Amino acid sequence: MQLTTIVAAFAATFAVFTGTHARGDFSHSCSNWFIENNHFLRATCGDGRGGQVNSALDLNAGIGIDPTKLVCRPNGNYAANGCAGCLIRTGAFMTCGCPGAVKIADLDECVANRGGLLAFV
């Protein structure tokens, strides 16, 4: 049991120091997703008990702008910082017209399904 705890602690420390993060992969257990009002992700998600939940998530709270793309970032406020016309284009990829260029976010990197509710990773 103690070796398992040490291995888990090492893995968590490695992930923090290497900058890796877990994928949310909401698209694997949700359907009918779309962007509403430029920054709300809406989807129907499985609750893990055989049911379905209609859920919404304000993407401004977890996606921000980098020089070349949209990224997972707490309080990123991408829409408040000039990105507009945001839509799902292919799969779980969102495109937005942002200052300087069209930028893309892989929502599966940032968003998870937690018991039927959309949440940030």
PDB file of N, CA and C in Angstrom:
ATOM      1  N   MET A   1       0.826  -1.190   0.000  1.00  0.00           N
ATOM      2  CA  MET A   1       0.000   0.000   0.000  1.00  0.00           C
ATOM      3  C   MET A   1       0.869   1.252   0.000  1.00  0.00           C
ATOM      4  N   GLN A   2       1.953   1.243   0.762  1.00  0.00           N
ATOM      5  CA  GLN A   2       2.816   2.405   0.842  1.00  0.00           C
ATOM      6  C   GLN A   2       3.512   2.660  -0.490  1.00  0.00           C
ATOM      7  N   LEU A   3       3.938   1.622  -1.201  1.00  0.00           N
ATOM      8  CA  LEU A   3       4.574   1.787  -2.498  1.00  0.00           C
ATOM      9  C   LEU A   3       3.598   2.423  -3.489  1.00  0.00           C
ATOM     10  N   THR A   4       2.337   2.036  -3.446  1.00  0.00           N
ATOM     11  CA  THR A   4       1.316   2.628  -4.317  1.00  0.00           C
ATOM     12  C   THR A   4       1.186   4.122  -4.047  1.00  0.00           C
ATOM     13  N   THR A   5       1.196   4.509  -2.784  1.00  0.00           N
ATOM     14  CA  THR A   5       1.102   5.915  -2.409  1.00  0.00           C
ATOM     15  C   THR A   5       2.311   6.692  -2.919  1.00  0.00           C
ATOM     16  N   ILE A   6       3.495   6.114  -2.812  1.00  0.00           N
ATOM     17  CA  ILE A   6       4.724   6.775  -3.283  1.00  0.00           C
ATOM     18  C   ILE A   6       4.685   6.939  -4.798  1.00  0.00           C
ATOM     19  N   VAL A   7       4.264   5.915  -5.517  1.00  0.00           N
ATOM     20  CA  VAL A   7       4.181   5.991  -6.979  1.00  0.00           C
ATOM     21  C   VAL A   7       3.159   7.048  -7.397  1.00  0.00           C
ATOM     22  N   ALA A   8       2.014   7.094  -6.749  1.00  0.00           N
ATOM     23  CA  ALA A   8       0.989   8.090  -7.079  1.00  0.00           C
ATOM     24  C   ALA A   8       1.493   9.498  -6.803  1.00  0.00           C
ATOM     25  N   ALA A   9       2.197   9.688  -5.692  1.00  0.00           N
ATOM     26  CA  ALA A   9       2.745  11.007  -5.371  1.00  0.00           C
ATOM     27  C   ALA A   9       3.786  11.429  -6.397  1.00  0.00           C
ATOM     28  N   PHE A  10       4.647  10.490  -6.827  1.00  0.00           N
ATOM     29  CA  PHE A  10       5.651  10.792  -7.838  1.00  0.00           C
ATOM     30  C   PHE A  10       4.983  11.189  -9.152  1.00  0.00           C
ATOM     31  N   ALA A  11       3.954  10.448  -9.560  1.00  0.00           N
ATOM     32  CA  ALA A  11       3.259  10.739 -10.816  1.00  0.00           C
ATOM     33  C   ALA A  11       2.610  12.116 -10.773  1.00  0.00           C
ATOM     34  N   ALA A  12       1.989  12.453  -9.661  1.00  0.00           N
ATOM     35  CA  ALA A  12       1.364  13.768  -9.530  1.00  0.00           C
ATOM     36  C   ALA A  12       2.404  14.879  -9.567  1.00  0.00           C
ATOM     37  N   THR A  13       3.530  14.675  -8.894  1.00  0.00           N
ATOM     38  CA  THR A  13       4.611  15.666  -8.898  1.00  0.00           C
ATOM     39  C   THR A  13       5.189  15.816 -10.296  1.00  0.00           C
ATOM     40  N   PHE A  14       5.402  14.716 -10.998  1.00  0.00           N
ATOM     41  CA  PHE A  14       5.927  14.758 -12.360  1.00  0.00           C
ATOM     42  C   PHE A  14       4.987  15.545 -13.266  1.00  0.00           C
ATOM     43  N   ALA A  15       3.680  15.312 -13.143  1.00  0.00           N
ATOM     44  CA  ALA A  15       2.706  16.013 -13.984  1.00  0.00           C
ATOM     45  C   ALA A  15       2.740  17.512 -13.733  1.00  0.00           C
ATOM     46  N   VAL A  16       2.870  17.921 -12.473  1.00  0.00           N
ATOM     47  CA  VAL A  16       2.924  19.348 -12.149  1.00  0.00           C
ATOM     48  C   VAL A  16       4.185  19.980 -12.726  1.00  0.00           C
ATOM     49  N   PHE A  17       5.336  19.343 -12.551  1.00  0.00           N
ATOM     50  CA  PHE A  17       6.590  19.938 -12.999  1.00  0.00           C
ATOM     51  C   PHE A  17       6.795  19.871 -14.499  1.00  0.00           C
ATOM     52  N   THR A  18       6.148  18.941 -15.181  1.00  0.00           N
ATOM     53  CA  THR A  18       6.304  18.866 -16.628  1.00  0.00           C
ATOM     54  C   THR A  18       5.229  19.666 -17.358  1.00  0.00           C
ATOM     55  N   GLY A  19       4.268  20.195 -16.634  1.00  0.00           N
ATOM     56  CA  GLY A  19       3.234  21.007 -17.245  1.00  0.00           C
ATOM     57  C   GLY A  19       2.145  20.200 -17.927  1.00  0.00           C
ATOM     58  N   THR A  20       2.117  18.907 -17.724  1.00  0.00           N
ATOM     59  CA  THR A  20       1.070  18.107 -18.342  1.00  0.00           C
ATOM     60  C   THR A  20      -0.205  18.225 -17.525  1.00  0.00           C
ATOM     61  N   HIS A  21      -1.304  17.983 -18.169  1.00  0.00           N
ATOM     62  CA  HIS A  21      -2.576  17.991 -17.463  1.00  0.00           C
ATOM     63  C   HIS A  21      -3.480  16.926 -18.066  1.00  0.00           C
ATOM     64  N   ALA A  22      -4.469  16.557 -17.300  1.00  0.00           N
ATOM     65  CA  ALA A  22      -5.400  15.532 -17.762  1.00  0.00           C
ATOM     66  C   ALA A  22      -6.359  16.124 -18.782  1.00  0.00           C
ATOM     67  N   ARG A  23      -6.725  15.321 -19.749  1.00  0.00           N
ATOM     68  CA  ARG A  23      -7.743  15.734 -20.717  1.00  0.00           C
ATOM     69  C   ARG A  23      -9.115  15.512 -20.093  1.00  0.00           C
ATOM     70  N   GLY A  24     -10.034  16.394 -20.428  1.00  0.00           N
ATOM     71  CA  GLY A  24     -11.393  16.243 -19.935  1.00  0.00           C
ATOM     72  C   GLY A  24     -12.213  15.274 -20.759  1.00  0.00           C
ATOM     73  N   ASP A  25     -12.021  15.299 -22.091  1.00  0.00           N
ATOM     74  CA  ASP A  25     -12.709  14.401 -23.008  1.00  0.00           C
ATOM     75  C   ASP A  25     -14.224  14.362 -22.829  1.00  0.00           C
ATOM     76  N   PHE A  26     -14.826  15.515 -22.593  1.00  0.00           N
ATOM     77  CA  PHE A  26     -16.275  15.557 -22.422  1.00  0.00           C
ATOM     78  C   PHE A  26     -17.018  14.980 -23.633  1.00  0.00           C
ATOM     79  N   SER A  27     -16.433  15.118 -24.819  1.00  0.00           N
ATOM     80  CA  SER A  27     -17.135  14.709 -26.038  1.00  0.00           C
ATOM     81  C   SER A  27     -17.374  13.198 -26.111  1.00  0.00           C
ATOM     82  N   HIS A  28     -16.682  12.430 -25.291  1.00  0.00           N
ATOM     83  CA  HIS A  28     -16.866  10.979 -25.302  1.00  0.00           C
ATOM     84  C   HIS A  28     -18.138  10.544 -24.579  1.00  0.00           C
ATOM     85  N   SER A  29     -18.671  11.405 -23.708  1.00  0.00           N
ATOM     86  CA  SER A  29     -19.862  11.019 -22.951  1.00  0.00           C
ATOM     87  C   SER A  29     -20.987  12.053 -23.063  1.00  0.00           C
ATOM     88  N   CYS A  30     -20.804  13.048 -23.932  1.00  0.00           N
ATOM     89  CA  CYS A  30     -21.825  14.070 -24.150  1.00  0.00           C
ATOM     90  C   CYS A  30     -22.188  14.109 -25.630  1.00  0.00           C
ATOM     91  N   SER A  31     -23.330  14.683 -25.937  1.00  0.00           N
ATOM     92  CA  SER A  31     -23.770  14.812 -27.327  1.00  0.00           C
ATOM     93  C   SER A  31     -24.453  16.160 -27.508  1.00  0.00           C
ATOM     94  N   ASN A  32     -24.760  16.473 -28.757  1.00  0.00           N
ATOM     95  CA  ASN A  32     -25.501  17.692 -29.095  1.00  0.00           C
ATOM     96  C   ASN A  32     -24.851  18.959 -28.541  1.00  0.00           C
ATOM     97  N   TRP A  33     -23.523  19.029 -28.518  1.00  0.00           N
ATOM     98  CA  TRP A  33     -22.883  20.209 -27.954  1.00  0.00           C
ATOM     99  C   TRP A  33     -22.839  21.333 -28.980  1.00  0.00           C
ATOM    100  N   PHE A  34     -22.938  22.553 -28.438  1.00  0.00           N
ATOM    101  CA  PHE A  34     -22.867  23.753 -29.262  1.00  0.00           C
ATOM    102  C   PHE A  34     -22.487  24.946 -28.378  1.00  0.00           C
ATOM    103  N   ILE A  35     -22.079  26.035 -29.034  1.00  0.00           N
ATOM    104  CA  ILE A  35     -21.721  27.266 -28.324  1.00  0.00           C
ATOM    105  C   ILE A  35     -22.897  28.219 -28.440  1.00  0.00           C
ATOM    106  N   GLU A  36     -23.299  28.777 -27.326  1.00  0.00           N
ATOM    107  CA  GLU A  36     -24.392  29.742 -27.283  1.00  0.00           C
ATOM    108  C   GLU A  36     -23.864  31.083 -26.781  1.00  0.00           C
ATOM    109  N   ASN A  37     -24.293  32.151 -27.412  1.00  0.00           N
ATOM    110  CA  ASN A  37     -23.900  33.514 -27.015  1.00  0.00           C
ATOM    111  C   ASN A  37     -22.392  33.688 -26.916  1.00  0.00           C
ATOM    112  N   ASN A  38     -21.658  33.041 -27.798  1.00  0.00           N
ATOM    113  CA  ASN A  38     -20.219  33.205 -27.943  1.00  0.00           C
ATOM    114  C   ASN A  38     -19.373  32.554 -26.855  1.00  0.00           C
ATOM    115  N   HIS A  39     -19.956  32.172 -25.703  1.00  0.00           N
ATOM    116  CA  HIS A  39     -19.091  31.624 -24.651  1.00  0.00           C
ATOM    117  C   HIS A  39     -19.733  30.594 -23.728  1.00  0.00           C
ATOM    118  N   PHE A  40     -20.952  30.176 -24.000  1.00  0.00           N
ATOM    119  CA  PHE A  40     -21.549  29.114 -23.197  1.00  0.00           C
ATOM    120  C   PHE A  40     -21.520  27.816 -23.988  1.00  0.00           C
ATOM    121  N   LEU A  41     -20.897  26.784 -23.432  1.00  0.00           N
ATOM    122  CA  LEU A  41     -20.937  25.459 -24.016  1.00  0.00           C
ATOM    123  C   LEU A  41     -22.160  24.756 -23.448  1.00  0.00           C
ATOM    124  N   ARG A  42     -23.018  24.273 -24.327  1.00  0.00           N
ATOM    125  CA  ARG A  42     -24.199  23.518 -23.912  1.00  0.00           C
ATOM    126  C   ARG A  42     -24.093  22.117 -24.486  1.00  0.00           C
ATOM    127  N   ALA A  43     -24.491  21.111 -23.694  1.00  0.00           N
ATOM    128  CA  ALA A  43     -24.407  19.719 -24.140  1.00  0.00           C
ATOM    129  C   ALA A  43     -25.378  18.868 -23.326  1.00  0.00           C
ATOM    130  N   THR A  44     -25.692  17.702 -23.870  1.00  0.00           N
ATOM    131  CA  THR A  44     -26.440  16.683 -23.153  1.00  0.00           C
ATOM    132  C   THR A  44     -25.436  15.602 -22.781  1.00  0.00           C
ATOM    133  N   CYS A  45     -25.288  15.353 -21.477  1.00  0.00           N
ATOM    134  CA  CYS A  45     -24.227  14.458 -21.000  1.00  0.00           C
ATOM    135  C   CYS A  45     -24.797  13.290 -20.192  1.00  0.00           C
ATOM    136  N   GLY A  46     -24.165  12.138 -20.364  1.00  0.00           N
ATOM    137  CA  GLY A  46     -24.517  10.974 -19.562  1.00  0.00           C
ATOM    138  C   GLY A  46     -24.123  11.201 -18.115  1.00  0.00           C
ATOM    139  N   ASP A  47     -24.983  10.765 -17.192  1.00  0.00           N
ATOM    140  CA  ASP A  47     -24.701  10.988 -15.770  1.00  0.00           C
ATOM    141  C   ASP A  47     -23.997   9.815 -15.100  1.00  0.00           C
ATOM    142  N   GLY A  48     -23.672   8.776 -15.884  1.00  0.00           N
ATOM    143  CA  GLY A  48     -22.994   7.611 -15.329  1.00  0.00           C
ATOM    144  C   GLY A  48     -23.927   6.604 -14.691  1.00  0.00           C
ATOM    145  N   ARG A  49     -25.222   6.919 -14.639  1.00  0.00           N
ATOM    146  CA  ARG A  49     -26.214   6.017 -14.054  1.00  0.00           C
ATOM    147  C   ARG A  49     -27.307   5.674 -15.074  1.00  0.00           C
ATOM    148  N   GLY A  50     -27.023   5.940 -16.353  1.00  0.00           N
ATOM    149  CA  GLY A  50     -27.980   5.643 -17.405  1.00  0.00           C
ATOM    150  C   GLY A  50     -28.861   6.811 -17.799  1.00  0.00           C
ATOM    151  N   GLY A  51     -28.743   7.930 -17.102  1.00  0.00           N
ATOM    152  CA  GLY A  51     -29.551   9.109 -17.413  1.00  0.00           C
ATOM    153  C   GLY A  51     -28.792  10.125 -18.249  1.00  0.00           C
ATOM    154  N   GLN A  52     -29.490  11.152 -18.673  1.00  0.00           N
ATOM    155  CA  GLN A  52     -28.924  12.240 -19.459  1.00  0.00           C
ATOM    156  C   GLN A  52     -29.228  13.557 -18.759  1.00  0.00           C
ATOM    157  N   VAL A  53     -28.275  14.485 -18.804  1.00  0.00           N
ATOM    158  CA  VAL A  53     -28.433  15.792 -18.175  1.00  0.00           C
ATOM    159  C   VAL A  53     -28.109  16.860 -19.203  1.00  0.00           C
ATOM    160  N   ASN A  54     -28.968  17.879 -19.310  1.00  0.00           N
ATOM    161  CA  ASN A  54     -28.649  19.050 -20.121  1.00  0.00           C
ATOM    162  C   ASN A  54     -27.805  19.969 -19.258  1.00  0.00           C
ATOM    163  N   SER A  55     -26.628  20.317 -19.753  1.00  0.00           N
ATOM    164  CA  SER A  55     -25.679  21.066 -18.948  1.00  0.00           C
ATOM    165  C   SER A  55     -25.128  22.249 -19.736  1.00  0.00           C
ATOM    166  N   ALA A  56     -24.662  23.265 -19.012  1.00  0.00           N
ATOM    167  CA  ALA A  56     -24.036  24.437 -19.630  1.00  0.00           C
ATOM    168  C   ALA A  56     -22.812  24.834 -18.816  1.00  0.00           C
ATOM    169  N   LEU A  57     -21.831  25.414 -19.502  1.00  0.00           N
ATOM    170  CA  LEU A  57     -20.602  25.848 -18.848  1.00  0.00           C
ATOM    171  C   LEU A  57     -20.150  27.153 -19.492  1.00  0.00           C
ATOM    172  N   ASP A  58     -19.853  28.175 -18.670  1.00  0.00           N
ATOM    173  CA  ASP A  58     -19.342  29.443 -19.183  1.00  0.00           C
ATOM    174  C   ASP A  58     -17.856  29.267 -19.489  1.00  0.00           C
ATOM    175  N   LEU A  59     -17.514  29.193 -20.762  1.00  0.00           N
ATOM    176  CA  LEU A  59     -16.133  28.938 -21.174  1.00  0.00           C
ATOM    177  C   LEU A  59     -15.190  30.080 -20.827  1.00  0.00           C
ATOM    178  N   ASN A  60     -15.717  31.280 -20.605  1.00  0.00           N
ATOM    179  CA  ASN A  60     -14.859  32.394 -20.185  1.00  0.00           C
ATOM    180  C   ASN A  60     -14.136  32.082 -18.878  1.00  0.00           C
ATOM    181  N   ALA A  61     -14.726  31.236 -18.058  1.00  0.00           N
ATOM    182  CA  ALA A  61     -14.139  30.915 -16.756  1.00  0.00           C
ATOM    183  C   ALA A  61     -12.941  29.976 -16.857  1.00  0.00           C
ATOM    184  N   GLY A  62     -12.694  29.391 -18.044  1.00  0.00           N
ATOM    185  CA  GLY A  62     -11.597  28.430 -18.126  1.00  0.00           C
ATOM    186  C   GLY A  62     -10.824  28.407 -19.424  1.00  0.00           C
ATOM    187  N   ILE A  63     -11.066  29.370 -20.329  1.00  0.00           N
ATOM    188  CA  ILE A  63     -10.329  29.416 -21.592  1.00  0.00           C
ATOM    189  C   ILE A  63      -9.832  30.836 -21.833  1.00  0.00           C
ATOM    190  N   GLY A  64      -8.560  30.935 -22.196  1.00  0.00           N
ATOM    191  CA  GLY A  64      -7.941  32.232 -22.460  1.00  0.00           C
ATOM    192  C   GLY A  64      -7.249  32.255 -23.807  1.00  0.00           C
ATOM    193  N   ILE A  65      -6.661  33.396 -24.117  1.00  0.00           N
ATOM    194  CA  ILE A  65      -6.002  33.609 -25.406  1.00  0.00           C
ATOM    195  C   ILE A  65      -4.491  33.543 -25.237  1.00  0.00           C
ATOM    196  N   ASP A  66      -3.838  32.760 -26.100  1.00  0.00           N
ATOM    197  CA  ASP A  66      -2.386  32.757 -26.260  1.00  0.00           C
ATOM    198  C   ASP A  66      -2.092  33.349 -27.636  1.00  0.00           C
ATOM    199  N   PRO A  67      -0.837  33.595 -27.953  1.00  0.00           N
ATOM    200  CA  PRO A  67      -0.538  34.216 -29.252  1.00  0.00           C
ATOM    201  C   PRO A  67      -1.080  33.454 -30.467  1.00  0.00           C
ATOM    202  N   THR A  68      -1.137  32.114 -30.411  1.00  0.00           N
ATOM    203  CA  THR A  68      -1.555  31.366 -31.602  1.00  0.00           C
ATOM    204  C   THR A  68      -2.834  30.567 -31.438  1.00  0.00           C
ATOM    205  N   LYS A  69      -3.348  30.429 -30.225  1.00  0.00           N
ATOM    206  CA  LYS A  69      -4.539  29.597 -30.023  1.00  0.00           C
ATOM    207  C   LYS A  69      -5.255  29.967 -28.736  1.00  0.00           C
ATOM    208  N   LEU A  70      -6.394  29.338 -28.534  1.00  0.00           N
ATOM    209  CA  LEU A  70      -7.113  29.448 -27.272  1.00  0.00           C
ATOM    210  C   LEU A  70      -6.662  28.291 -26.388  1.00  0.00           C
ATOM    211  N   VAL A  71      -6.457  28.556 -25.108  1.00  0.00           N
ATOM    212  CA  VAL A  71      -5.891  27.560 -24.199  1.00  0.00           C
ATOM    213  C   VAL A  71      -6.704  27.454 -22.912  1.00  0.00           C
ATOM    214  N   CYS A  72      -6.545  26.324 -22.232  1.00  0.00           N
ATOM    215  CA  CYS A  72      -7.157  26.134 -20.924  1.00  0.00           C
ATOM    216  C   CYS A  72      -6.449  27.060 -19.941  1.00  0.00           C
ATOM    217  N   ARG A  73      -7.215  27.942 -19.302  1.00  0.00           N
ATOM    218  CA  ARG A  73      -6.633  28.890 -18.349  1.00  0.00           C
ATOM    219  C   ARG A  73      -7.737  29.390 -17.423  1.00  0.00           C
ATOM    220  N   PRO A  74      -7.575  29.232 -16.116  1.00  0.00           N
ATOM    221  CA  PRO A  74      -8.585  29.755 -15.190  1.00  0.00           C
ATOM    222  C   PRO A  74      -8.814  31.253 -15.419  1.00  0.00           C
ATOM    223  N   ASN A  75     -10.085  31.637 -15.416  1.00  0.00           N
ATOM    224  CA  ASN A  75     -10.478  33.034 -15.629  1.00  0.00           C
ATOM    225  C   ASN A  75      -9.876  33.624 -16.900  1.00  0.00           C
ATOM    226  N   GLY A  76      -9.835  32.837 -17.968  1.00  0.00           N
ATOM    227  CA  GLY A  76      -9.214  33.259 -19.218  1.00  0.00           C
ATOM    228  C   GLY A  76      -9.918  34.393 -19.926  1.00  0.00           C
ATOM    229  N   ASN A  77     -11.233  34.463 -19.819  1.00  0.00           N
ATOM    230  CA  ASN A  77     -12.027  35.548 -20.395  1.00  0.00           C
ATOM    231  C   ASN A  77     -11.769  35.822 -21.864  1.00  0.00           C
ATOM    232  N   TYR A  78     -11.654  34.774 -22.670  1.00  0.00           N
ATOM    233  CA  TYR A  78     -11.371  34.959 -24.090  1.00  0.00           C
ATOM    234  C   TYR A  78     -12.410  35.849 -24.776  1.00  0.00           C
ATOM    235  N   ALA A  79     -13.696  35.678 -24.460  1.00  0.00           N
ATOM    236  CA  ALA A  79     -14.747  36.466 -25.123  1.00  0.00           C
ATOM    237  C   ALA A  79     -14.679  37.930 -24.696  1.00  0.00           C
ATOM    238  N   ALA A  80     -14.363  38.172 -23.441  1.00  0.00           N
ATOM    239  CA  ALA A  80     -14.247  39.545 -22.953  1.00  0.00           C
ATOM    240  C   ALA A  80     -12.995  40.225 -23.506  1.00  0.00           C
ATOM    241  N   ASN A  81     -12.052  39.439 -24.021  1.00  0.00           N
ATOM    242  CA  ASN A  81     -10.816  39.995 -24.578  1.00  0.00           C
ATOM    243  C   ASN A  81     -10.834  40.057 -26.105  1.00  0.00           C
ATOM    244  N   GLY A  82     -12.012  40.111 -26.686  1.00  0.00           N
ATOM    245  CA  GLY A  82     -12.121  40.391 -28.108  1.00  0.00           C
ATOM    246  C   GLY A  82     -12.411  39.233 -29.034  1.00  0.00           C
ATOM    247  N   CYS A  83     -12.566  38.017 -28.525  1.00  0.00           N
ATOM    248  CA  CYS A  83     -12.903  36.894 -29.413  1.00  0.00           C
ATOM    249  C   CYS A  83     -14.417  36.866 -29.617  1.00  0.00           C
ATOM    250  N   ALA A  84     -14.833  36.669 -30.860  1.00  0.00           N
ATOM    251  CA  ALA A  84     -16.261  36.676 -31.187  1.00  0.00           C
ATOM    252  C   ALA A  84     -16.549  35.642 -32.267  1.00  0.00           C
ATOM    253  N   GLY A  85     -17.830  35.387 -32.481  1.00  0.00           N
ATOM    254  CA  GLY A  85     -18.231  34.446 -33.520  1.00  0.00           C
ATOM    255  C   GLY A  85     -17.801  33.026 -33.238  1.00  0.00           C
ATOM    256  N   CYS A  86     -17.747  32.639 -31.983  1.00  0.00           N
ATOM    257  CA  CYS A  86     -17.243  31.322 -31.605  1.00  0.00           C
ATOM    258  C   CYS A  86     -18.272  30.235 -31.899  1.00  0.00           C
ATOM    259  N   LEU A  87     -17.792  29.175 -32.555  1.00  0.00           N
ATOM    260  CA  LEU A  87     -18.635  28.056 -32.959  1.00  0.00           C
ATOM    261  C   LEU A  87     -17.858  26.755 -32.878  1.00  0.00           C
ATOM    262  N   ILE A  88     -18.581  25.644 -32.754  1.00  0.00           N
ATOM    263  CA  ILE A  88     -17.963  24.330 -32.880  1.00  0.00           C
ATOM    264  C   ILE A  88     -17.849  24.051 -34.370  1.00  0.00           C
ATOM    265  N   ARG A  89     -16.655  23.752 -34.841  1.00  0.00           N
ATOM    266  CA  ARG A  89     -16.445  23.500 -36.264  1.00  0.00           C
ATOM    267  C   ARG A  89     -16.356  22.012 -36.574  1.00  0.00           C
ATOM    268  N   THR A  90     -15.486  21.297 -35.905  1.00  0.00           N
ATOM    269  CA  THR A  90     -15.278  19.874 -36.146  1.00  0.00           C
ATOM    270  C   THR A  90     -15.049  19.205 -34.805  1.00  0.00           C
ATOM    271  N   GLY A  91     -15.741  18.106 -34.551  1.00  0.00           N
ATOM    272  CA  GLY A  91     -15.543  17.401 -33.287  1.00  0.00           C
ATOM    273  C   GLY A  91     -15.795  18.318 -32.109  1.00  0.00           C
ATOM    274  N   ALA A  92     -14.821  18.429 -31.222  1.00  0.00           N
ATOM    275  CA  ALA A  92     -14.937  19.298 -30.052  1.00  0.00           C
ATOM    276  C   ALA A  92     -14.034  20.526 -30.190  1.00  0.00           C
ATOM    277  N   PHE A  93     -13.706  20.910 -31.428  1.00  0.00           N
ATOM    278  CA  PHE A  93     -12.862  22.079 -31.658  1.00  0.00           C
ATOM    279  C   PHE A  93     -13.716  23.322 -31.839  1.00  0.00           C
ATOM    280  N   MET A  94     -13.428  24.349 -31.054  1.00  0.00           N
ATOM    281  CA  MET A  94     -14.120  25.627 -31.142  1.00  0.00           C
ATOM    282  C   MET A  94     -13.222  26.611 -31.880  1.00  0.00           C
ATOM    283  N   THR A  95     -13.780  27.348 -32.823  1.00  0.00           N
ATOM    284  CA  THR A  95     -13.035  28.408 -33.501  1.00  0.00           C
ATOM    285  C   THR A  95     -13.674  29.740 -33.163  1.00  0.00           C
ATOM    286  N   CYS A  96     -12.824  30.756 -33.020  1.00  0.00           N
ATOM    287  CA  CYS A  96     -13.290  32.106 -32.706  1.00  0.00           C
ATOM    288  C   CYS A  96     -12.474  33.112 -33.514  1.00  0.00           C
ATOM    289  N   GLY A  97     -13.124  34.186 -33.905  1.00  0.00           N
ATOM    290  CA  GLY A  97     -12.407  35.307 -34.495  1.00  0.00           C
ATOM    291  C   GLY A  97     -11.862  36.151 -33.355  1.00  0.00           C
ATOM    292  N   CYS A  98     -10.558  36.136 -33.168  1.00  0.00           N
ATOM    293  CA  CYS A  98      -9.913  36.854 -32.068  1.00  0.00           C
ATOM    294  C   CYS A  98      -9.020  37.954 -32.638  1.00  0.00           C
ATOM    295  N   PRO A  99      -8.606  38.910 -31.813  1.00  0.00           N
ATOM    296  CA  PRO A  99      -7.705  39.951 -32.313  1.00  0.00           C
ATOM    297  C   PRO A  99      -6.478  39.330 -32.982  1.00  0.00           C
ATOM    298  N   GLY A 100      -6.268  39.681 -34.236  1.00  0.00           N
ATOM    299  CA  GLY A 100      -5.101  39.199 -34.966  1.00  0.00           C
ATOM    300  C   GLY A 100      -5.327  37.972 -35.821  1.00  0.00           C
ATOM    301  N   ALA A 101      -6.261  37.094 -35.455  1.00  0.00           N
ATOM    302  CA  ALA A 101      -6.441  35.856 -36.235  1.00  0.00           C
ATOM    303  C   ALA A 101      -7.602  35.037 -35.698  1.00  0.00           C
ATOM    304  N   VAL A 102      -8.002  34.057 -36.488  1.00  0.00           N
ATOM    305  CA  VAL A 102      -8.944  33.045 -36.007  1.00  0.00           C
ATOM    306  C   VAL A 102      -8.147  32.100 -35.116  1.00  0.00           C
ATOM    307  N   LYS A 103      -8.702  31.779 -33.943  1.00  0.00           N
ATOM    308  CA  LYS A 103      -8.006  30.895 -33.009  1.00  0.00           C
ATOM    309  C   LYS A 103      -8.887  29.704 -32.682  1.00  0.00           C
ATOM    310  N   ILE A 104      -8.232  28.607 -32.339  1.00  0.00           N
ATOM    311  CA  ILE A 104      -8.912  27.333 -32.106  1.00  0.00           C
ATOM    312  C   ILE A 104      -8.621  26.835 -30.695  1.00  0.00           C
ATOM    313  N   ALA A 105      -9.637  26.227 -30.078  1.00  0.00           N
ATOM    314  CA  ALA A 105      -9.480  25.549 -28.786  1.00  0.00           C
ATOM    315  C   ALA A 105      -9.994  24.130 -28.918  1.00  0.00           C
ATOM    316  N   ASP A 106      -9.250  23.184 -28.391  1.00  0.00           N
ATOM    317  CA  ASP A 106      -9.726  21.805 -28.285  1.00  0.00           C
ATOM    318  C   ASP A 106     -10.451  21.704 -26.948  1.00  0.00           C
ATOM    319  N   LEU A 107     -11.769  21.756 -26.978  1.00  0.00           N
ATOM    320  CA  LEU A 107     -12.540  21.758 -25.741  1.00  0.00           C
ATOM    321  C   LEU A 107     -12.360  20.480 -24.939  1.00  0.00           C
ATOM    322  N   ASP A 108     -11.999  19.373 -25.599  1.00  0.00           N
ATOM    323  CA  ASP A 108     -11.720  18.139 -24.867  1.00  0.00           C
ATOM    324  C   ASP A 108     -10.508  18.272 -23.950  1.00  0.00           C
ATOM    325  N   GLU A 109      -9.632  19.213 -24.230  1.00  0.00           N
ATOM    326  CA  GLU A 109      -8.476  19.457 -23.348  1.00  0.00           C
ATOM    327  C   GLU A 109      -8.898  20.129 -22.050  1.00  0.00           C
ATOM    328  N   CYS A 110      -9.957  20.927 -22.107  1.00  0.00           N
ATOM    329  CA  CYS A 110     -10.328  21.774 -20.975  1.00  0.00           C
ATOM    330  C   CYS A 110     -11.576  21.324 -20.216  1.00  0.00           C
ATOM    331  N   VAL A 111     -12.477  20.626 -20.894  1.00  0.00           N
ATOM    332  CA  VAL A 111     -13.804  20.360 -20.338  1.00  0.00           C
ATOM    333  C   VAL A 111     -14.022  18.864 -20.109  1.00  0.00           C
ATOM    334  N   ALA A 112     -14.621  18.553 -18.960  1.00  0.00           N
ATOM    335  CA  ALA A 112     -14.934  17.169 -18.595  1.00  0.00           C
ATOM    336  C   ALA A 112     -16.425  17.040 -18.284  1.00  0.00           C
ATOM    337  N   ASN A 113     -16.902  15.823 -18.273  1.00  0.00           N
ATOM    338  CA  ASN A 113     -18.252  15.499 -17.832  1.00  0.00           C
ATOM    339  C   ASN A 113     -18.131  14.928 -16.431  1.00  0.00           C
ATOM    340  N   ARG A 114     -18.685  15.607 -15.455  1.00  0.00           N
ATOM    341  CA  ARG A 114     -18.651  15.157 -14.060  1.00  0.00           C
ATOM    342  C   ARG A 114     -20.072  14.796 -13.634  1.00  0.00           C
ATOM    343  N   GLY A 115     -20.443  13.545 -13.819  1.00  0.00           N
ATOM    344  CA  GLY A 115     -21.768  13.085 -13.414  1.00  0.00           C
ATOM    345  C   GLY A 115     -22.892  13.756 -14.184  1.00  0.00           C
ATOM    346  N   GLY A 116     -22.647  14.106 -15.426  1.00  0.00           N
ATOM    347  CA  GLY A 116     -23.646  14.748 -16.263  1.00  0.00           C
ATOM    348  C   GLY A 116     -23.505  16.253 -16.361  1.00  0.00           C
ATOM    349  N   LEU A 117     -22.640  16.826 -15.552  1.00  0.00           N
ATOM    350  CA  LEU A 117     -22.415  18.271 -15.576  1.00  0.00           C
ATOM    351  C   LEU A 117     -21.077  18.608 -16.208  1.00  0.00           C
ATOM    352  N   LEU A 118     -21.085  19.588 -17.091  1.00  0.00           N
ATOM    353  CA  LEU A 118     -19.840  20.049 -17.699  1.00  0.00           C
ATOM    354  C   LEU A 118     -19.014  20.786 -16.657  1.00  0.00           C
ATOM    355  N   ALA A 119     -17.703  20.544 -16.647  1.00  0.00           N
ATOM    356  CA  ALA A 119     -16.809  21.171 -15.674  1.00  0.00           C
ATOM    357  C   ALA A 119     -15.424  21.286 -16.296  1.00  0.00           C
ATOM    358  N   PHE A 120     -14.622  22.209 -15.792  1.00  0.00           N
ATOM    359  CA  PHE A 120     -13.248  22.345 -16.251  1.00  0.00           C
ATOM    360  C   PHE A 120     -12.364  21.299 -15.588  1.00  0.00           C
ATOM    361  N   VAL A 121     -11.368  20.854 -16.335  1.00  0.00           N
ATOM    362  CA  VAL A 121     -10.407  19.868 -15.837  1.00  0.00           C
ATOM    363  C   VAL A 121      -9.557  20.511 -14.784  1.00  0.00           C
TER     364      VAL A 121
END
